[in-house]
Amino acid sequence: MGLPKKKLSTTRRDRRWVRYKLEGIALVECPHCHKKIRPHRVCPFCGYYEGREVIAVKTEEKE
């Protein structure tokens, strides 16, 4: 098992983890209701996917 010849500085050690950062969620616009949704999924607001209604979404009526 290899051992380091010299001690790594904290800067060099921490530079290893620069590329492991969190990225934001990719969002696209629903072509039917124009709300932001995740790609390749049924729109939870209108129930459409690929231009056709896949699920029936209940609408809340205001009294």
C-alpha atoms as a PDB file:
ATOM      1  CA  MET A   1       0.000   0.000   0.000  1.00  0.00           C
ATOM      2  CA  GLY A   2       1.473   3.326  -1.037  1.00  0.00           C
ATOM      3  CA  LEU A   3       2.145   6.039   1.466  1.00  0.00           C
ATOM      4  CA  PRO A   4       2.572   9.752   0.724  1.00  0.00           C
ATOM      5  CA  LYS A   5       6.163  11.010   0.740  1.00  0.00           C
ATOM      6  CA  LYS A   6       5.144  14.483   1.927  1.00  0.00           C
ATOM      7  CA  LYS A   7       2.141  15.970   3.706  1.00  0.00           C
ATOM      8  CA  LEU A   8      -0.504  17.506   1.439  1.00  0.00           C
ATOM      9  CA  SER A   9      -1.413  21.082   2.201  1.00  0.00           C
ATOM     10  CA  THR A  10      -5.047  21.752   3.032  1.00  0.00           C
ATOM     11  CA  THR A  11      -5.461  23.690  -0.218  1.00  0.00           C
ATOM     12  CA  ARG A  12      -4.217  20.796  -2.349  1.00  0.00           C
ATOM     13  CA  ARG A  13      -6.309  18.329  -0.339  1.00  0.00           C
ATOM     14  CA  ASP A  14      -9.500  20.386  -0.617  1.00  0.00           C
ATOM     15  CA  ARG A  15      -9.017  21.022  -4.334  1.00  0.00           C
ATOM     16  CA  ARG A  16      -9.860  17.358  -4.904  1.00  0.00           C
ATOM     17  CA  TRP A  17     -13.513  17.988  -3.929  1.00  0.00           C
ATOM     18  CA  VAL A  18     -14.133  21.049  -6.105  1.00  0.00           C
ATOM     19  CA  ARG A  19     -15.918  19.086  -8.828  1.00  0.00           C
ATOM     20  CA  TYR A  20     -18.331  17.376  -6.394  1.00  0.00           C
ATOM     21  CA  LYS A  21     -20.842  20.164  -5.970  1.00  0.00           C
ATOM     22  CA  LEU A  22     -24.615  20.225  -5.969  1.00  0.00           C
ATOM     23  CA  GLU A  23     -26.341  21.350  -9.137  1.00  0.00           C
ATOM     24  CA  GLY A  24     -29.760  22.889  -9.487  1.00  0.00           C
ATOM     25  CA  ILE A  25     -32.702  20.861 -10.738  1.00  0.00           C
ATOM     26  CA  ALA A  26     -33.186  21.054 -14.499  1.00  0.00           C
ATOM     27  CA  LEU A  27     -36.586  22.560 -15.288  1.00  0.00           C
ATOM     28  CA  VAL A  28     -38.390  22.950 -18.612  1.00  0.00           C
ATOM     29  CA  GLU A  29     -41.619  24.700 -19.524  1.00  0.00           C
ATOM     30  CA  CYS A  30     -44.753  22.603 -19.933  1.00  0.00           C
ATOM     31  CA  PRO A  31     -45.991  23.143 -23.506  1.00  0.00           C
ATOM     32  CA  HIS A  32     -49.627  22.949 -22.391  1.00  0.00           C
ATOM     33  CA  CYS A  33     -49.872  25.077 -19.210  1.00  0.00           C
ATOM     34  CA  HIS A  34     -46.453  26.856 -19.418  1.00  0.00           C
ATOM     35  CA  LYS A  35     -45.424  26.073 -15.841  1.00  0.00           C
ATOM     36  CA  LYS A  36     -41.935  24.867 -14.917  1.00  0.00           C
ATOM     37  CA  ILE A  37     -41.682  21.055 -14.567  1.00  0.00           C
ATOM     38  CA  ARG A  38     -38.912  18.450 -14.542  1.00  0.00           C
ATOM     39  CA  PRO A  39     -38.157  17.036 -18.012  1.00  0.00           C
ATOM     40  CA  HIS A  40     -39.580  13.689 -19.235  1.00  0.00           C
ATOM     41  CA  ARG A  41     -42.330  13.616 -16.602  1.00  0.00           C
ATOM     42  CA  VAL A  42     -46.100  14.139 -16.549  1.00  0.00           C
ATOM     43  CA  CYS A  43     -47.006  17.714 -15.650  1.00  0.00           C
ATOM     44  CA  PRO A  44     -48.487  17.652 -12.121  1.00  0.00           C
ATOM     45  CA  PHE A  45     -50.481  20.829 -12.809  1.00  0.00           C
ATOM     46  CA  CYS A  46     -52.336  19.882 -16.013  1.00  0.00           C
ATOM     47  CA  GLY A  47     -51.671  16.114 -16.391  1.00  0.00           C
ATOM     48  CA  TYR A  48     -50.290  16.336 -19.935  1.00  0.00           C
ATOM     49  CA  TYR A  49     -47.252  14.507 -21.350  1.00  0.00           C
ATOM     50  CA  GLU A  50     -46.078  14.505 -24.980  1.00  0.00           C
ATOM     51  CA  GLY A  51     -49.096  16.573 -26.060  1.00  0.00           C
ATOM     52  CA  ARG A  52     -51.813  14.306 -24.656  1.00  0.00           C
ATOM     53  CA  GLU A  53     -53.597  14.056 -21.326  1.00  0.00           C
ATOM     54  CA  VAL A  54     -52.203  11.137 -19.349  1.00  0.00           C
ATOM     55  CA  ILE A  55     -53.790  11.678 -15.936  1.00  0.00           C
ATOM     56  CA  ALA A  56     -56.869  13.582 -14.870  1.00  0.00           C
ATOM     57  CA  VAL A  57     -55.970  16.355 -12.433  1.00  0.00           C
ATOM     58  CA  LYS A  58     -58.538  17.470  -9.896  1.00  0.00           C
ATOM     59  CA  THR A  59     -59.085  21.224  -9.713  1.00  0.00           C
ATOM     60  CA  GLU A  60     -59.971  22.868  -6.437  1.00  0.00           C
ATOM     61  CA  GLU A  61     -63.003  25.131  -6.605  1.00  0.00           C
ATOM     62  CA  LYS A  62     -62.927  28.330  -4.596  1.00  0.00           C
ATOM     63  CA  GLU A  63     -66.051  29.085  -2.588  1.00  0.00           C
END
